[in-house]
Protein backbone atom coordinates (compact mmCIF):
# COMPACT_ATOMS: atom_id res chain seq x y z
CA MET A 1 0.00 0.00 0.00
CA ILE A 2 2.83 2.43 0.84
CA ASP A 3 4.40 1.73 -2.55
CA ILE A 4 1.10 2.49 -4.28
CA LEU A 5 0.73 5.78 -2.40
CA ASN A 6 4.29 6.74 -3.23
CA GLU A 7 3.63 5.94 -6.89
CA THR A 8 0.50 8.05 -6.99
CA ARG A 9 2.38 11.10 -5.72
CA LYS A 10 5.35 10.66 -8.05
CA VAL A 11 6.32 14.04 -9.48
CA VAL A 12 5.58 13.93 -13.18
CA GLY A 13 6.77 17.53 -13.56
CA PRO A 14 4.74 20.71 -13.94
CA GLY A 15 3.47 21.19 -17.46
CA PRO A 16 3.55 24.36 -19.53
CA ASP A 17 0.21 25.46 -18.11
CA VAL A 18 1.69 25.70 -14.61
CA ARG A 19 4.77 27.46 -15.95
CA GLU A 20 2.47 29.95 -17.66
CA ALA A 21 0.75 30.70 -14.36
CA LEU A 22 4.11 31.29 -12.70
CA ALA A 23 5.55 33.42 -15.48
CA GLY A 24 3.10 36.27 -14.86
CA ILE A 25 4.01 36.78 -11.19
CA PRO A 26 6.55 39.64 -11.60
CA ASP A 27 4.09 41.81 -13.52
CA ARG A 28 0.96 40.86 -11.62
CA VAL A 29 -0.88 43.68 -9.87
CA VAL A 30 -4.27 43.66 -8.19
CA PRO A 31 -6.91 44.76 -10.74
CA ALA A 32 -8.16 48.32 -10.32
CA ASN A 33 -11.80 47.24 -9.92
CA VAL A 34 -10.82 44.85 -7.10
CA ARG A 35 -8.90 47.61 -5.32
CA MET A 36 -11.82 49.99 -5.79
CA PHE A 37 -14.28 47.47 -4.37
CA GLY A 38 -11.99 46.63 -1.46
CA PHE A 39 -11.31 50.21 -0.40
CA ALA A 40 -14.95 51.27 -0.90
CA THR A 41 -16.34 48.47 1.28
CA LEU A 42 -13.54 48.98 3.83
CA ALA A 43 -14.55 52.64 4.05
CA ILE A 44 -18.19 51.61 4.56
CA GLY A 45 -17.10 49.36 7.42
CA LEU A 46 -14.97 52.01 9.11
CA LEU A 47 -17.69 54.64 8.81
CA SER A 48 -20.22 52.17 10.22
CA LEU A 49 -17.97 51.46 13.18
CA VAL A 50 -17.28 55.12 13.91
CA GLY A 51 -20.95 56.07 13.65
CA GLY A 52 -22.05 53.04 15.60
CA PHE A 53 -19.67 53.52 18.51
CA ALA A 54 -20.68 57.18 18.67
CA THR A 55 -24.40 56.40 19.01
CA GLN A 56 -24.82 52.84 20.34
CA PRO A 57 -21.47 51.48 21.51
CA LYS A 58 -22.68 48.23 23.06
CA GLU A 59 -24.68 47.16 20.02
CA THR A 60 -21.79 48.13 17.73
CA GLY A 61 -19.52 45.95 19.82
CA GLY A 62 -21.96 43.12 19.20
CA VAL A 63 -21.97 43.49 15.41
CA LEU A 64 -18.17 43.73 15.51
CA LEU A 65 -18.14 40.44 17.42
CA VAL A 66 -20.29 38.86 14.68
CA SER A 67 -17.79 39.83 11.96
CA LEU A 68 -14.78 38.78 14.02
CA VAL A 69 -16.21 35.30 14.61
CA TYR A 70 -17.23 35.08 10.95
CA PHE A 71 -13.83 35.95 9.49
CA ILE A 72 -11.82 33.97 12.01
CA GLY A 73 -13.95 31.06 10.80
CA ILE A 74 -13.15 31.78 7.14
CA SER A 75 -9.43 32.13 7.83
CA MET A 76 -9.31 28.88 9.76
CA GLY A 77 -11.62 27.23 7.23
CA GLY A 78 -9.12 27.98 4.47
CA VAL A 79 -6.44 26.15 6.42
CA MET A 80 -8.80 23.25 7.01
CA PHE A 81 -9.58 22.99 3.29
CA ALA A 82 -5.84 22.62 2.59
CA VAL A 83 -5.45 20.21 5.50
CA ILE A 84 -8.29 18.02 4.23
CA GLN A 85 -6.80 17.96 0.73
CA THR A 86 -3.43 16.94 2.15
CA SER A 87 -4.73 14.32 4.55
CA THR A 88 -7.02 12.62 2.02
CA LEU A 89 -4.51 12.79 -0.87
CA GLY A 90 -7.25 14.56 -2.80
CA ARG A 91 -6.63 15.77 -6.32
CA TRP A 92 -9.92 17.40 -7.27
CA GLY A 93 -9.36 20.40 -4.98
CA ARG A 94 -5.67 21.04 -5.70
CA PRO A 95 -6.33 23.90 -8.16
CA PHE A 96 -8.25 25.66 -5.33
CA LYS A 97 -5.73 24.84 -2.60
CA ARG A 98 -3.52 27.92 -2.89
CA ILE A 99 -6.52 30.27 -2.70
CA ALA A 100 -7.63 28.51 0.49
CA GLU A 101 -4.11 28.72 1.93
CA VAL A 102 -4.04 32.46 1.28
CA PHE A 103 -7.29 32.69 3.27
CA GLY A 104 -5.27 31.15 6.10
CA THR A 105 -2.67 33.91 5.93
CA PHE A 106 -5.43 36.30 7.11
CA LEU A 107 -5.65 34.39 10.41
CA PRO A 108 -2.79 36.21 12.23
CA ILE A 109 -4.50 39.54 11.45
CA MET A 110 -7.80 38.25 12.82
CA TYR A 111 -6.05 36.82 15.88
CA VAL A 112 -4.59 40.23 16.74
CA LEU A 113 -7.91 42.00 16.08
CA TRP A 114 -9.71 39.50 18.31
CA LEU A 115 -7.35 40.07 21.24
CA VAL A 116 -7.50 43.86 20.78
CA PHE A 117 -11.31 43.66 20.73
CA LEU A 118 -11.39 41.71 23.99
CA LEU A 119 -8.84 43.89 25.77
CA ALA A 120 -10.48 47.11 24.54
CA GLY A 121 -13.82 46.33 26.16
CA GLY A 122 -15.22 43.34 24.28
CA LEU A 123 -15.50 41.38 27.53
CA ASP A 124 -18.16 43.84 28.69
CA LEU A 125 -20.59 42.28 26.19
CA TYR A 126 -20.70 39.05 28.19
CA ALA A 127 -23.30 38.78 30.96
CA TRP A 128 -21.03 36.55 33.05
CA ASN A 129 -18.63 39.48 33.33
CA HIS A 130 -21.28 41.45 35.25
CA GLU A 131 -23.23 38.88 37.24
CA PRO A 132 -22.01 36.25 39.67
CA MET A 133 -21.60 32.71 38.35
CA HIS A 134 -21.75 29.66 40.56
CA ASN A 135 -19.65 26.53 40.98
CA HIS A 136 -17.63 25.49 37.92
CA LYS A 137 -18.96 28.36 35.77
CA ALA A 138 -17.44 30.89 38.16
CA ILE A 139 -14.03 29.36 37.39
CA TYR A 140 -14.48 28.76 33.68
CA LEU A 141 -16.16 32.08 32.90
CA SER A 142 -13.63 34.33 34.57
CA ASN A 143 -11.70 37.06 32.79
CA GLY A 144 -8.26 35.59 33.37
CA PHE A 145 -9.10 32.04 32.32
CA PHE A 146 -11.14 33.29 29.35
CA MET A 147 -8.27 35.42 28.05
CA ALA A 148 -5.77 32.62 28.64
CA ARG A 149 -7.86 30.28 26.48
CA GLN A 150 -8.08 32.85 23.70
CA ILE A 151 -4.38 33.70 23.72
CA VAL A 152 -3.15 30.10 23.94
CA GLY A 153 -5.85 28.18 22.06
CA LEU A 154 -6.38 30.43 19.06
CA GLY A 155 -2.70 31.36 19.13
CA LEU A 156 -1.66 27.72 18.82
CA LEU A 157 -4.02 27.22 15.87
CA THR A 158 -2.62 30.33 14.22
CA PHE A 159 0.98 29.22 14.74
CA MET A 160 0.49 25.71 13.38
CA SER A 161 -1.51 27.02 10.43
CA GLN A 162 1.24 29.40 9.35
CA ILE A 163 3.84 26.62 9.53
CA PHE A 164 1.62 24.43 7.36
CA ILE A 165 1.14 27.20 4.78
CA ARG A 166 4.86 28.02 4.76
CA ASN A 167 5.72 24.35 4.18
CA SER A 168 3.29 24.26 1.27
CA MET A 169 4.52 27.47 -0.36
CA ARG A 170 8.27 26.87 -0.02
CA PRO A 171 8.73 24.35 -2.89
CA ASP A 172 6.43 26.38 -5.15
CA MET A 173 8.40 29.57 -4.51
CA GLY A 174 11.70 27.81 -5.08
CA TYR A 175 10.55 26.24 -8.33
CA ALA A 176 8.95 29.51 -9.48
CA ALA A 177 12.24 31.29 -8.79
CA GLU A 178 13.98 28.78 -11.06
CA VAL A 179 11.40 29.38 -13.79
CA LEU A 180 11.53 33.17 -13.48
CA GLY A 181 15.23 33.56 -12.85
CA LYS A 182 16.87 35.30 -9.91
CA THR A 183 16.40 38.76 -11.37
CA LYS A 184 12.62 38.47 -11.73
CA ALA A 185 11.72 36.44 -8.63
CA PRO A 186 10.68 38.58 -5.63
CA ALA A 187 13.62 39.04 -3.28
CA TRP A 188 11.59 38.24 -0.16
CA TRP A 189 10.99 34.69 -1.41
CA GLY A 190 14.62 34.04 -0.49
CA ARG A 191 13.76 34.21 3.22
CA ILE A 192 11.32 31.33 2.79
CA THR A 193 13.44 29.29 0.38
CA LEU A 194 16.70 29.73 2.31
CA GLY A 195 18.81 26.58 1.98
CA TRP A 196 17.04 25.39 -1.19
CA LYS A 197 17.88 21.73 -1.86
CA GLY A 198 16.41 21.29 -5.31
CA ARG A 199 12.82 20.80 -6.43
CA ASP A 200 12.46 17.06 -5.94
CA ALA A 201 14.04 17.08 -2.47
CA GLU A 202 11.98 20.10 -1.38
CA VAL A 203 8.71 18.60 -2.63
CA GLU A 204 9.42 15.38 -0.72
CA GLU A 205 10.39 17.25 2.45
CA ALA A 206 7.31 19.50 2.31
CA TYR A 207 5.09 16.47 1.75
CA GLN A 208 6.55 14.59 4.72
CA LYS A 209 6.19 17.60 7.02
CA ASN A 210 2.61 18.41 6.10
CA ILE A 211 1.33 14.84 5.92
CA TRP A 212 2.16 14.61 9.64
CA LEU A 213 1.13 18.15 10.55
CA ALA A 214 -2.25 18.00 8.77
CA PRO A 215 -3.98 15.55 11.15
CA VAL A 216 -2.55 17.41 14.15
CA ILE A 217 -4.12 20.63 12.89
CA ALA A 218 -7.40 18.85 12.12
CA VAL A 219 -7.71 17.44 15.65
CA SER A 220 -6.58 20.73 17.18
CA TYR A 221 -9.13 22.61 15.10
CA PHE A 222 -12.08 20.64 16.38
CA ILE A 223 -10.86 20.95 19.97
CA LEU A 224 -9.51 24.49 20.10
CA PHE A 225 -11.89 26.12 17.62
CA SER A 226 -14.79 24.47 19.47
CA MET A 227 -13.47 26.07 22.64
CA PHE A 228 -13.25 29.40 20.82
CA VAL A 229 -16.86 29.40 19.57
CA VAL A 230 -18.17 28.27 22.96
CA ASP A 231 -16.35 31.18 24.57
CA ALA A 232 -17.04 33.79 21.89
CA VAL A 233 -20.65 32.94 21.05
CA MET A 234 -22.33 30.43 23.34
CA SER A 235 -21.13 32.06 26.57
CA LEU A 236 -23.09 35.20 25.63
CA ALA A 237 -25.99 33.21 27.12
CA PRO A 238 -24.10 31.75 30.10
CA HIS A 239 -27.01 29.67 31.40
CA TRP A 240 -27.71 27.96 28.07
CA TYR A 241 -25.71 25.29 26.34
CA ALA A 242 -26.01 22.72 23.54
CA ASN A 243 -23.50 19.92 23.06
CA MET A 244 -23.57 20.11 19.25
CA PHE A 245 -23.22 23.89 19.08
CA PRO A 246 -19.41 23.94 18.62
CA ALA A 247 -19.52 21.19 15.98
CA TRP A 248 -22.17 23.17 14.12
CA LEU A 249 -19.98 26.27 13.93
CA CYS A 250 -16.82 24.31 13.16
CA VAL A 251 -18.36 22.61 10.14
CA SER A 252 -20.27 25.68 8.93
CA SER A 253 -17.01 27.67 8.97
CA VAL A 254 -15.51 25.19 6.50
CA TRP A 255 -18.76 25.26 4.50
CA MET A 256 -18.80 29.02 4.01
CA THR A 257 -15.07 28.89 3.21
CA LEU A 258 -15.81 26.56 0.28
CA SER A 259 -18.28 29.16 -0.97
CA TRP A 260 -15.73 31.96 -0.66
CA VAL A 261 -13.12 29.83 -2.46
CA VAL A 262 -15.54 29.35 -5.35
CA ILE A 263 -16.34 33.08 -5.49
CA PHE A 264 -12.68 34.13 -5.46
CA SER A 265 -11.68 31.47 -7.99
CA VAL A 266 -14.38 32.56 -10.44
CA LEU A 267 -13.44 36.23 -10.06
CA PHE A 268 -9.65 35.82 -10.03
CA LYS A 269 -8.77 32.73 -12.08
CA LYS A 270 -8.26 34.59 -15.36
CA TRP A 271 -6.25 37.35 -13.70
CA LEU A 272 -4.07 34.73 -11.96
CA GLY A 273 -3.58 32.76 -15.17
CA ILE A 274 -5.10 29.58 -13.73
CA ASP A 275 -8.44 29.50 -15.55
CA HIS A 276 -7.22 26.56 -17.68
CA LEU A 277 -6.32 24.63 -14.51
CA ILE A 278 -9.79 24.79 -12.93
CA GLY A 279 -12.28 22.88 -15.03
CA ARG A 280 -15.99 22.19 -14.80
CA SER A 281 -15.25 18.90 -13.09
CA ASN A 282 -13.39 20.75 -10.30
CA TYR A 283 -16.37 23.03 -9.75
CA HIS A 284 -18.68 20.04 -9.84
CA ASP A 285 -16.66 18.38 -7.08
CA ILE A 286 -16.49 21.42 -4.82
CA GLY A 287 -20.19 22.01 -5.52
CA LYS A 288 -20.93 18.51 -4.25
CA MET A 289 -19.03 19.32 -1.06
CA MET A 290 -21.05 22.53 -0.66
CA PHE A 291 -24.25 20.55 -1.12
CA ALA A 292 -23.19 17.89 1.39
CA LEU A 293 -22.24 20.46 4.03
CA CYS A 294 -25.53 22.29 3.43
CA ILE A 295 -27.29 19.11 4.48
CA PHE A 296 -24.87 18.63 7.38
CA TRP A 297 -25.54 22.21 8.58
CA THR A 298 -29.25 21.43 8.62
CA TYR A 299 -28.67 18.12 10.40
CA ASN A 300 -26.71 19.91 13.14
CA PHE A 301 -29.42 22.54 13.41
CA PHE A 302 -32.24 20.05 13.92
CA ALA A 303 -30.12 17.75 16.08
CA GLN A 304 -29.89 20.64 18.54
CA VAL A 305 -33.43 21.99 18.18
CA LEU A 306 -35.40 18.76 18.51
CA PRO A 307 -34.04 17.47 21.85
CA ILE A 308 -34.28 20.94 23.41
CA TRP A 309 -37.77 21.54 22.05
CA TYR A 310 -39.25 18.19 23.03
CA GLY A 311 -37.39 18.19 26.34
CA ASN A 312 -39.34 21.39 27.09
CA MET A 313 -36.78 22.66 29.60
CA PRO A 314 -37.28 26.40 30.23
CA GLU A 315 -33.56 27.09 30.70
CA GLU A 316 -32.90 25.73 27.19
CA THR A 317 -36.08 26.43 25.20
CA GLY A 318 -35.90 30.14 25.97
CA TYR A 319 -32.88 30.48 23.70
CA LEU A 320 -34.86 29.00 20.82
CA MET A 321 -38.09 30.87 21.54
CA LEU A 322 -36.26 34.21 21.38
CA ARG A 323 -34.83 33.47 17.92
CA MET A 324 -37.61 31.43 16.34
CA PHE A 325 -40.83 33.05 17.56
CA ALA A 326 -40.17 36.33 19.39
CA THR A 327 -40.35 39.68 17.64
CA PRO A 328 -38.19 41.10 16.06
CA TRP A 329 -35.95 38.05 15.53
CA ASN A 330 -38.41 35.48 14.13
CA ALA A 331 -38.47 36.91 10.60
CA LEU A 332 -34.67 37.02 10.44
CA GLY A 333 -34.56 33.41 11.60
CA LYS A 334 -36.74 32.34 8.68
CA VAL A 335 -34.58 34.26 6.20
CA ALA A 336 -31.40 32.73 7.59
CA LEU A 337 -32.88 29.22 7.38
CA ALA A 338 -33.94 29.81 3.79
CA MET A 339 -30.50 31.09 2.76
CA CYS A 340 -28.59 28.39 4.61
CA PHE A 341 -30.78 25.43 3.62
CA PHE A 342 -33.81 25.79 1.37
CA ILE A 343 -32.19 27.91 -1.36
CA PRO A 344 -28.76 26.20 -1.57
CA PHE A 345 -30.33 22.74 -1.24
CA THR A 346 -32.74 23.44 -4.09
CA VAL A 347 -30.09 25.03 -6.30
CA LEU A 348 -27.14 22.73 -5.62
CA ILE A 349 -29.12 19.57 -6.24
CA SER A 350 -28.71 20.48 -9.92
CA ARG A 351 -25.69 18.89 -11.54
CA GLY A 352 -25.64 21.54 -14.25
CA ILE A 353 -25.47 24.42 -11.79
CA LYS A 354 -22.57 22.79 -9.95
CA LYS A 355 -20.71 22.56 -13.27
CA THR A 356 -21.39 26.22 -14.19
CA PRO A 357 -18.89 28.44 -12.33
CA PRO A 358 -20.92 31.72 -12.31
CA ALA A 359 -24.05 29.90 -11.15
CA LEU A 360 -22.14 28.04 -8.44
CA ALA A 361 -20.53 31.30 -7.30
CA THR A 362 -24.00 32.86 -7.06
CA ALA A 363 -25.17 29.98 -4.88
CA GLY A 364 -22.03 30.51 -2.81
CA GLY A 365 -22.97 34.17 -2.42
CA VAL A 366 -26.33 33.15 -0.94
CA ILE A 367 -24.56 30.81 1.49
CA VAL A 368 -21.99 33.34 2.72
CA ILE A 369 -24.71 35.93 3.41
CA GLY A 370 -26.92 33.27 4.99
CA VAL A 371 -24.16 32.20 7.38
CA PHE A 372 -23.57 35.85 8.29
CA LEU A 373 -27.27 36.18 9.18
CA GLU A 374 -27.04 32.96 11.19
CA ARG A 375 -24.04 34.28 13.15
CA PHE A 376 -25.88 37.60 13.62
CA LEU A 377 -28.88 35.72 14.99
CA LEU A 378 -26.73 33.74 17.42
CA VAL A 379 -25.01 36.82 18.84
CA MET A 380 -27.23 39.88 18.72
CA PRO A 381 -30.38 38.79 20.62
CA GLU A 382 -28.20 38.59 23.74
CA ILE A 383 -26.97 42.16 23.24
CA TYR A 384 -29.63 44.17 21.40
CA LYS A 385 -33.01 44.58 23.14
CA GLY A 386 -34.81 46.92 20.75
CA ASP A 387 -38.19 46.37 19.09
CA SER A 388 -36.91 46.67 15.51
CA ILE A 389 -33.79 45.17 13.98
CA GLY A 390 -33.68 47.15 10.73
CA GLY A 391 -31.13 49.68 11.94
CA ILE A 392 -28.91 47.27 13.82
CA LEU A 393 -28.97 44.81 10.91
CA ALA A 394 -27.92 47.59 8.52
CA LEU A 395 -25.11 48.47 10.91
CA GLY A 396 -24.09 44.80 11.02
CA PHE A 397 -24.02 44.59 7.24
CA GLY A 398 -21.95 47.76 7.06
CA VAL A 399 -19.33 46.40 9.47
CA TRP A 400 -19.36 43.02 7.71
CA LEU A 401 -18.81 44.72 4.35
CA GLY A 402 -15.79 46.47 5.85
CA PHE A 403 -14.32 43.08 6.74
CA VAL A 404 -15.19 41.77 3.27
CA GLY A 405 -13.24 44.69 1.79
CA ALA A 406 -10.21 44.14 4.03
CA PHE A 407 -10.30 40.40 3.32
CA THR A 408 -10.57 40.97 -0.44
CA LEU A 409 -7.67 43.42 -0.46
CA TRP A 410 -5.48 41.08 1.59
CA VAL A 411 -6.26 37.92 -0.39
CA SER A 412 -5.84 39.61 -3.77
CA TRP A 413 -2.57 41.26 -2.69
CA VAL A 414 -1.07 38.00 -1.38
CA LEU A 415 -2.20 36.07 -4.47
CA SER A 416 -0.44 38.66 -6.62
CA LYS A 417 2.84 38.01 -4.77
CA VAL A 418 2.97 34.21 -4.48
CA PRO A 419 2.61 31.29 -6.92
CA PRO A 420 -1.17 31.22 -7.52
CA VAL A 421 -1.29 27.44 -7.79
CA VAL A 422 0.41 24.56 -5.94
CA ALA A 423 2.79 24.20 -8.87
CA THR A 424 5.07 21.49 -7.48
CA ASP A 425 2.37 19.50 -5.72
CA PRO A 426 2.43 15.99 -7.24
CA PHE A 427 -1.30 15.69 -6.68
CA MET A 428 -1.86 18.35 -9.33
CA ASN A 429 -1.02 15.56 -11.79
CA PRO A 430 -3.52 12.86 -12.83
CA ASN A 431 -3.47 9.70 -10.76
CA PRO A 432 -1.50 7.07 -12.73
CA PHE A 433 -3.93 4.41 -11.50
CA ASP A 434 -7.11 6.21 -12.61
CA VAL A 435 -9.19 4.29 -15.15
CA HIS A 436 -11.53 6.43 -17.24
CA VAL A 437 -14.56 4.70 -18.66
CA HIS A 438 -16.26 6.24 -21.70
CA ALA A 439 -19.43 5.38 -23.54
CA ALA A 440 -18.71 3.50 -26.76
CA HIS A 441 -19.72 5.10 -30.05
CA GLY A 442 -23.16 4.09 -31.24
CA ASP A 443 -24.32 2.35 -28.06
CA HIS A 444 -24.57 2.77 -24.30
CA GLY A 445 -21.91 0.28 -23.39
CA HIS A 446 -18.44 0.96 -22.04
CA ALA A 447 -15.10 0.82 -23.76
């Protein structure tokens, strides 16, 4: 079995298509329309924050919390996409892998913003910070222990993720430098490729490092990121809990990341010179993953709702009643459910849509907004007590758009500076053991 796996990852050598994608790096700049969109939405976000903190600081802190949790999830979801591809020896997602890894480079920024948010007054949003807790909750939900978990837990995930991404990028940068020549390759690549041993040796070394690191990150993600979402979101209602809540947010973070990967790949693939590397079959495969995780999101939702609802325990059902039936949140709950399940389920069941990149990206757009509304619905009812949510929802969208702008600017800038595809990854090549079966001419048999 080991021999077979080694054979399947044998480096066949990057073809001219990959070389073409690498050759454009020195002259690649972020398109003007992307920069315009990024700075415009970033300005909307900053103005929303300034205006919000001037008029309703607590509620603005809440919508900022929504966006922080959302984009920490995307950043970590990008790493998990790459980790899953590495661990499963997957080939279908390799053309998307570098985009997902670049998402992961946004994680250190989000980590710093998260700690600044907490230290600058974000802890005041949590009821347990103002009312006495009893027994074990008094220990767990204390400022010192809470901050220690955030600094160490999320910090460890960030550290391991950046090592994983660096390992993945090193052989690509070294090979790209050989293709471009020393005069055209960015000088800062030399800090990452210091001690270059040659392409084949570097590919093997990177593979061995990440094949061991990937499962460590995967296990750490489900432990430490679960701890993060319990602290950041579930502890807003300190007397309520659901065992499947952290799993729900862990998986949905990867789900919305798939949607963002599709959106960015459709928008950027021609600019990056990789449009010929991402075919309809690749979109079909990632579309099937989006469809599967749509169903899994719904399964997690009902697996939490049904036991709580039929158990009819006041300390647990109150959380659901507020979001499902109480004004003004009930309408938003229905919209979020439609955008996270009914619409994507209905659309993504179509094989043709999954094979049509613009249509799949549109479905992804519905999902990423739907997950934002879901996160908004989890956080804001514990913070905002008004009778109408129109204004606070508009404020939330404004802040979220600011993060979208910053994220777009960062991802596009990094993609313009690094190899846009995992050029030396042997799993970019067809599997030598694949057998393709085609319909014979004139009948429905197989050849």
